C-alpha atoms as a PDB file:
ATOM      1  CA  MET A   1      58.290  78.590  74.969  1.00  0.00           C
ATOM      2  CA  SER A   2      59.928  79.423  78.188  1.00  0.00           C
ATOM      3  CA  SER A   3      63.838  80.551  78.585  1.00  0.00           C
ATOM      4  CA  PRO A   4      65.932  78.512  80.331  1.00  0.00           C
ATOM      5  CA  SER A   5      66.290  79.297  84.159  1.00  0.00           C
ATOM      6  CA  LYS A   6      69.777  80.299  84.958  1.00  0.00           C
ATOM      7  CA  ALA A   7      71.201  77.895  87.669  1.00  0.00           C
ATOM      8  CA  THR A   8      71.195  80.000  91.746  1.00  0.00           C
ATOM      9  CA  THR A   9      74.225  79.493  93.950  1.00  0.00           C
ATOM     10  CA  ILE A  10      74.090  80.716  97.567  1.00  0.00           C
ATOM     11  CA  PRO A  11      76.380  83.535  97.325  1.00  0.00           C
ATOM     12  CA  HIS A  12      79.662  83.288  99.718  1.00  0.00           C
ATOM     13  CA  VAL A  13      83.127  84.777 100.319  1.00  0.00           C
ATOM     14  CA  VAL A  14      85.956  82.806  98.667  1.00  0.00           C
ATOM     15  CA  LYS A  15      88.884  85.151 100.006  1.00  0.00           C
ATOM     16  CA  GLU A  16      89.710  88.185 101.675  1.00  0.00           C
ATOM     17  CA  GLU A  17      93.387  90.223 101.060  1.00  0.00           C
ATOM     18  CA  VAL A  18      94.285  93.011 102.838  1.00  0.00           C
ATOM     19  CA  ILE A  19      95.279  95.855 100.355  1.00  0.00           C
ATOM     20  CA  ALA A  20      96.123  98.619 103.321  1.00  0.00           C
ATOM     21  CA  SER A  21      95.862  98.786 106.873  1.00  0.00           C
ATOM     22  CA  GLY A  22      95.802 101.798 109.030  1.00  0.00           C
ATOM     23  CA  LYS A  23      95.530 102.348 112.914  1.00  0.00           C
ATOM     24  CA  TRP A  24      91.411 102.070 112.897  1.00  0.00           C
ATOM     25  CA  LEU A  25      90.649 100.941 109.146  1.00  0.00           C
ATOM     26  CA  LYS A  26      92.299  98.346 106.607  1.00  0.00           C
ATOM     27  CA  LEU A  27      90.997  97.998 102.982  1.00  0.00           C
ATOM     28  CA  GLU A  28      90.277  94.432 101.813  1.00  0.00           C
ATOM     29  CA  LYS A  29      89.884  92.879  98.207  1.00  0.00           C
ATOM     30  CA  THR A  30      86.941  90.421  98.879  1.00  0.00           C
ATOM     31  CA  THR A  31      86.414  87.625  96.230  1.00  0.00           C
ATOM     32  CA  TYR A  32      82.935  86.079  96.447  1.00  0.00           C
ATOM     33  CA  VAL A  33      80.712  84.206  94.466  1.00  0.00           C
ATOM     34  CA  ASP A  34      77.324  85.998  93.329  1.00  0.00           C
ATOM     35  CA  PRO A  35      74.024  84.115  93.283  1.00  0.00           C
ATOM     36  CA  VAL A  36      74.592  83.114  89.429  1.00  0.00           C
ATOM     37  CA  GLY A  37      77.783  81.347  90.011  1.00  0.00           C
ATOM     38  CA  THR A  38      79.755  83.948  89.006  1.00  0.00           C
ATOM     39  CA  THR A  39      83.284  85.099  90.995  1.00  0.00           C
ATOM     40  CA  ARG A  40      83.545  88.465  91.401  1.00  0.00           C
ATOM     41  CA  ILE A  41      85.917  91.184  93.437  1.00  0.00           C
ATOM     42  CA  TRP A  42      84.785  93.824  95.883  1.00  0.00           C
ATOM     43  CA  GLU A  43      86.677  96.385  97.969  1.00  0.00           C
ATOM     44  CA  THR A  44      85.757  96.306 101.661  1.00  0.00           C
ATOM     45  CA  THR A  45      86.363  98.654 104.603  1.00  0.00           C
ATOM     46  CA  LYS A  46      86.879  97.150 107.701  1.00  0.00           C
ATOM     47  CA  ARG A  47      87.590  98.096 111.699  1.00  0.00           C
ATOM     48  CA  THR A  48      90.592  96.785 113.039  1.00  0.00           C
ATOM     49  CA  THR A  49      88.889  97.055 116.247  1.00  0.00           C
ATOM     50  CA  ARG A  50      86.437  94.320 115.725  1.00  0.00           C
ATOM     51  CA  GLN A  51      85.460  92.462 118.692  1.00  0.00           C
ATOM     52  CA  THR A  52      84.130  88.570 118.400  1.00  0.00           C
ATOM     53  CA  GLY A  53      80.628  88.868 119.054  1.00  0.00           C
ATOM     54  CA  ALA A  54      79.815  92.373 119.419  1.00  0.00           C
ATOM     55  CA  ALA A  55      78.857  95.601 117.699  1.00  0.00           C
ATOM     56  CA  ASP A  56      81.698  97.648 116.619  1.00  0.00           C
ATOM     57  CA  GLY A  57      79.677 100.579 118.137  1.00  0.00           C
ATOM     58  CA  VAL A  58      76.876 102.599 119.714  1.00  0.00           C
ATOM     59  CA  GLY A  59      74.686 105.205 118.464  1.00  0.00           C
ATOM     60  CA  ILE A  60      72.517 107.309 120.927  1.00  0.00           C
ATOM     61  CA  ILE A  61      69.328 108.019 120.771  1.00  0.00           C
ATOM     62  CA  ALA A  62      69.147 110.550 123.968  1.00  0.00           C
ATOM     63  CA  LEU A  63      65.689 111.949 125.229  1.00  0.00           C
ATOM     64  CA  LEU A  64      66.154 115.227 127.553  1.00  0.00           C
ATOM     65  CA  LYS A  65      63.611 115.373 129.734  1.00  0.00           C
ATOM     66  CA  ARG A  66      62.536 118.340 132.046  1.00  0.00           C
ATOM     67  CA  THR A  67      59.893 119.457 134.203  1.00  0.00           C
ATOM     68  CA  LEU A  68      57.993 122.070 132.256  1.00  0.00           C
ATOM     69  CA  HIS A  69      59.615 121.811 128.916  1.00  0.00           C
ATOM     70  CA  LYS A  70      59.243 119.768 126.146  1.00  0.00           C
ATOM     71  CA  ASP A  71      61.485 116.912 125.858  1.00  0.00           C
ATOM     72  CA  CYS A  72      64.596 117.308 123.464  1.00  0.00           C
ATOM     73  CA  VAL A  73      66.657 114.972 121.631  1.00  0.00           C
ATOM     74  CA  VAL A  74      70.456 115.376 122.447  1.00  0.00           C
ATOM     75  CA  MET A  75      72.767 115.443 119.157  1.00  0.00           C
ATOM     76  CA  VAL A  76      76.404 116.293 118.480  1.00  0.00           C
ATOM     77  CA  LYS A  77      77.811 118.852 115.789  1.00  0.00           C
ATOM     78  CA  GLN A  78      81.189 118.020 114.790  1.00  0.00           C
ATOM     79  CA  PHE A  79      83.865 117.834 112.088  1.00  0.00           C
ATOM     80  CA  ARG A  80      84.381 115.154 110.018  1.00  0.00           C
ATOM     81  CA  PRO A  81      87.479 114.812 107.947  1.00  0.00           C
ATOM     82  CA  PRO A  82      85.991 112.374 105.114  1.00  0.00           C
ATOM     83  CA  MET A  83      83.402 114.900 104.495  1.00  0.00           C
ATOM     84  CA  ASP A  84      85.450 118.111 105.232  1.00  0.00           C
ATOM     85  CA  CYS A  85      82.714 119.743 107.048  1.00  0.00           C
ATOM     86  CA  CYS A  86      80.532 119.474 110.175  1.00  0.00           C
ATOM     87  CA  THR A  87      77.898 116.933 110.634  1.00  0.00           C
ATOM     88  CA  LEU A  88      74.899 116.606 113.020  1.00  0.00           C
ATOM     89  CA  GLU A  89      74.591 113.268 114.403  1.00  0.00           C
ATOM     90  CA  PHE A  90      73.556 111.616 117.410  1.00  0.00           C
ATOM     91  CA  PRO A  91      76.091 110.837 120.089  1.00  0.00           C
ATOM     92  CA  ALA A  92      78.093 108.025 119.082  1.00  0.00           C
ATOM     93  CA  GLY A  93      81.574 105.650 119.580  1.00  0.00           C
ATOM     94  CA  LEU A  94      82.943 102.639 119.553  1.00  0.00           C
ATOM     95  CA  ILE A  95      82.400  99.926 122.411  1.00  0.00           C
ATOM     96  CA  ASP A  96      85.563  99.101 124.190  1.00  0.00           C
ATOM     97  CA  GLU A  97      86.977  95.683 125.236  1.00  0.00           C
ATOM     98  CA  GLY A  98      84.838  93.888 127.696  1.00  0.00           C
ATOM     99  CA  GLU A  99      82.057  96.567 127.728  1.00  0.00           C
ATOM    100  CA  SER A 100      78.386  96.080 126.611  1.00  0.00           C
ATOM    101  CA  ALA A 101      76.524  98.586 124.453  1.00  0.00           C
ATOM    102  CA  GLU A 102      74.805  99.932 127.240  1.00  0.00           C
ATOM    103  CA  THR A 103      78.088 100.551 129.514  1.00  0.00           C
ATOM    104  CA  ALA A 104      79.804 102.314 126.122  1.00  0.00           C
ATOM    105  CA  ALA A 105      76.747 104.277 125.348  1.00  0.00           C
ATOM    106  CA  LEU A 106      76.648 106.143 128.578  1.00  0.00           C
ATOM    107  CA  ARG A 107      80.287 106.599 128.632  1.00  0.00           C
ATOM    108  CA  GLU A 108      80.414 107.941 125.205  1.00  0.00           C
ATOM    109  CA  LEU A 109      77.223 109.850 126.017  1.00  0.00           C
ATOM    110  CA  LYS A 110      78.987 111.360 128.978  1.00  0.00           C
ATOM    111  CA  GLU A 111      82.238 112.196 127.126  1.00  0.00           C
ATOM    112  CA  GLU A 112      80.640 113.676 123.949  1.00  0.00           C
ATOM    113  CA  THR A 113      77.809 116.128 125.696  1.00  0.00           C
ATOM    114  CA  GLY A 114      78.325 115.951 129.628  1.00  0.00           C
ATOM    115  CA  TYR A 115      75.137 114.251 130.407  1.00  0.00           C
ATOM    116  CA  LYS A 116      74.485 111.624 132.346  1.00  0.00           C
ATOM    117  CA  GLY A 117      71.570 109.190 131.471  1.00  0.00           C
ATOM    118  CA  GLU A 118      69.634 105.858 131.912  1.00  0.00           C
ATOM    119  CA  VAL A 119      69.478 103.312 129.279  1.00  0.00           C
ATOM    120  CA  VAL A 120      66.213 102.541 128.493  1.00  0.00           C
ATOM    121  CA  GLY A 121      66.292 100.231 125.316  1.00  0.00           C
ATOM    122  CA  VAL A 122      68.825  98.594 122.608  1.00  0.00           C
ATOM    123  CA  THR A 123      68.125  97.324 119.399  1.00  0.00           C
ATOM    124  CA  PRO A 124      69.746  94.383 117.967  1.00  0.00           C
ATOM    125  CA  VAL A 125      72.903  94.063 115.597  1.00  0.00           C
ATOM    126  CA  THR A 126      72.349  96.435 113.087  1.00  0.00           C
ATOM    127  CA  CYS A 127      75.008  97.177 109.682  1.00  0.00           C
ATOM    128  CA  LEU A 128      75.858 100.769 108.888  1.00  0.00           C
ATOM    129  CA  ASP A 129      76.821 100.718 105.260  1.00  0.00           C
ATOM    130  CA  PRO A 130      77.034  97.088 104.132  1.00  0.00           C
ATOM    131  CA  GLY A 131      77.609  98.359 100.277  1.00  0.00           C
ATOM    132  CA  LEU A 132      81.075  99.551 101.935  1.00  0.00           C
ATOM    133  CA  SER A 133      81.992  98.159 105.314  1.00  0.00           C
ATOM    134  CA  ASN A 134      81.072  95.184 107.487  1.00  0.00           C
ATOM    135  CA  CYS A 135      80.729  97.863 110.255  1.00  0.00           C
ATOM    136  CA  THR A 136      77.954  97.138 112.955  1.00  0.00           C
ATOM    137  CA  THR A 137      76.414  99.224 115.746  1.00  0.00           C
ATOM    138  CA  GLN A 138      73.517  98.902 118.495  1.00  0.00           C
ATOM    139  CA  ILE A 139      71.058 102.030 118.939  1.00  0.00           C
ATOM    140  CA  VAL A 140      70.351 102.640 122.709  1.00  0.00           C
ATOM    141  CA  MET A 141      67.843 104.668 123.835  1.00  0.00           C
ATOM    142  CA  VAL A 142      68.732 107.007 127.056  1.00  0.00           C
ATOM    143  CA  ASN A 143      66.463 108.910 129.217  1.00  0.00           C
ATOM    144  CA  ILE A 144      68.440 112.169 130.621  1.00  0.00           C
ATOM    145  CA  ASN A 145      66.619 113.393 133.873  1.00  0.00           C
ATOM    146  CA  GLY A 146      67.453 117.078 132.978  1.00  0.00           C
ATOM    147  CA  ASP A 147      66.202 118.272 136.596  1.00  0.00           C
ATOM    148  CA  ASP A 148      69.040 116.119 137.990  1.00  0.00           C
ATOM    149  CA  MET A 149      71.720 118.837 139.181  1.00  0.00           C
ATOM    150  CA  GLU A 150      74.537 116.978 137.545  1.00  0.00           C
ATOM    151  CA  ASN A 151      72.769 117.148 134.219  1.00  0.00           C
ATOM    152  CA  THR A 152      71.686 121.181 134.630  1.00  0.00           C
ATOM    153  CA  ASP A 153      75.098 122.508 133.392  1.00  0.00           C
ATOM    154  CA  PRO A 154      77.003 119.503 131.671  1.00  0.00           C
ATOM    155  CA  THR A 155      80.542 119.789 130.451  1.00  0.00           C
ATOM    156  CA  GLN A 156      81.829 117.989 127.514  1.00  0.00           C
ATOM    157  CA  GLN A 157      84.899 115.483 128.411  1.00  0.00           C
ATOM    158  CA  LEU A 158      86.622 115.807 124.810  1.00  0.00           C
ATOM    159  CA  GLY A 159      86.527 119.314 125.075  1.00  0.00           C
ATOM    160  CA  GLU A 160      84.883 121.818 122.887  1.00  0.00           C
ATOM    161  CA  LEU A 161      83.521 120.524 119.285  1.00  0.00           C
ATOM    162  CA  ASP A 162      84.580 122.168 116.424  1.00  0.00           C
ATOM    163  CA  LEU A 163      81.992 124.814 115.287  1.00  0.00           C
ATOM    164  CA  MET A 164      82.986 126.701 112.303  1.00  0.00           C
ATOM    165  CA  LYS A 165      80.704 130.010 111.094  1.00  0.00           C
ATOM    166  CA  LYS A 166      79.471 130.089 107.925  1.00  0.00           C
ATOM    167  CA  GLU A 167      79.671 126.030 107.888  1.00  0.00           C
ATOM    168  CA  LYS A 168      78.213 123.550 105.478  1.00  0.00           C
ATOM    169  CA  ILE A 169      76.670 121.112 107.983  1.00  0.00           C
ATOM    170  CA  VAL A 170      75.674 117.627 106.692  1.00  0.00           C
ATOM    171  CA  VAL A 171      73.150 115.576 108.697  1.00  0.00           C
ATOM    172  CA  ASP A 172      73.639 112.084 109.279  1.00  0.00           C
ATOM    173  CA  SER A 173      71.324 109.645 107.608  1.00  0.00           C
ATOM    174  CA  LYS A 174      70.118 108.492 110.955  1.00  0.00           C
ATOM    175  CA  VAL A 175      69.430 111.669 112.431  1.00  0.00           C
ATOM    176  CA  TYR A 176      67.145 112.279 109.207  1.00  0.00           C
ATOM    177  CA  ILE A 177      65.122 109.094 109.201  1.00  0.00           C
ATOM    178  CA  TYR A 178      64.569 109.593 113.164  1.00  0.00           C
ATOM    179  CA  GLY A 179      63.371 113.166 112.090  1.00  0.00           C
ATOM    180  CA  MET A 180      61.259 111.774 109.274  1.00  0.00           C
ATOM    181  CA  GLY A 181      59.961 108.577 111.432  1.00  0.00           C
ATOM    182  CA  MET A 182      58.736 111.073 114.064  1.00  0.00           C
ATOM    183  CA  SER A 183      57.161 113.918 111.802  1.00  0.00           C
ATOM    184  CA  GLN A 184      54.944 111.091 110.019  1.00  0.00           C
ATOM    185  CA  ALA A 185      54.271 109.716 113.601  1.00  0.00           C
ATOM    186  CA  PHE A 186      53.375 113.295 115.084  1.00  0.00           C
ATOM    187  CA  PHE A 187      51.403 114.463 111.788  1.00  0.00           C
ATOM    188  CA  LYS A 188      50.218 111.565 109.951  1.00  0.00           C
ATOM    189  CA  PRO A 189      49.780 109.121 112.541  1.00  0.00           C
ATOM    190  CA  ASN A 190      46.869 106.686 110.394  1.00  0.00           C
ATOM    191  CA  GLU A 191      49.136 106.620 107.362  1.00  0.00           C
ATOM    192  CA  LEU A 192      51.675 104.667 109.437  1.00  0.00           C
ATOM    193  CA  ARG A 193      51.060 100.950 108.962  1.00  0.00           C
ATOM    194  CA  VAL A 194      52.876  99.660 112.519  1.00  0.00           C
ATOM    195  CA  LEU A 195      50.091 101.899 114.018  1.00  0.00           C
ATOM    196  CA  LYS A 196      47.104 100.581 112.277  1.00  0.00           C
ATOM    197  CA  GLN A 197      45.504  98.013 114.161  1.00  0.00           C
END
């Protein structure tokens, strides 16, 4: 004898109520209906700077290419108050009104690292932490000509990042998974399904 199956419903948001709002973020109480038709409550964070039709920000995977040197991935180390420590991240930032992902990436790369680069690829819009927020990003791949005079002694436009002695550093998950992927591709390429023909 089979058990009765539960009716399925298309999950959907019923209403969103702002609980608190600041300059950059807001906290909302989200009422939604789950796949079995039960009404539930979720707490959601959202950016107050969201623009229609675009990602909230960009992450930049920048490769520094120099003659007679191995290519290097450029990263930033900065203090993040929510973590109460420094993090190791790809350069990143919000997309300004009217900016494309490519323009925002080159601006943020220059501000955070001092490097000038050339965009070689852009991902579709992806989510960052969908269980917490509706924040979205586009990853922009950039090549930096390290032999260019402008890139031989880069200076950050935002000033020095806060580097502390004897610090605890947390690696951003995007950086970590990128490193895992590169390691897998380099050391075990035959185990990568995408590379099998």
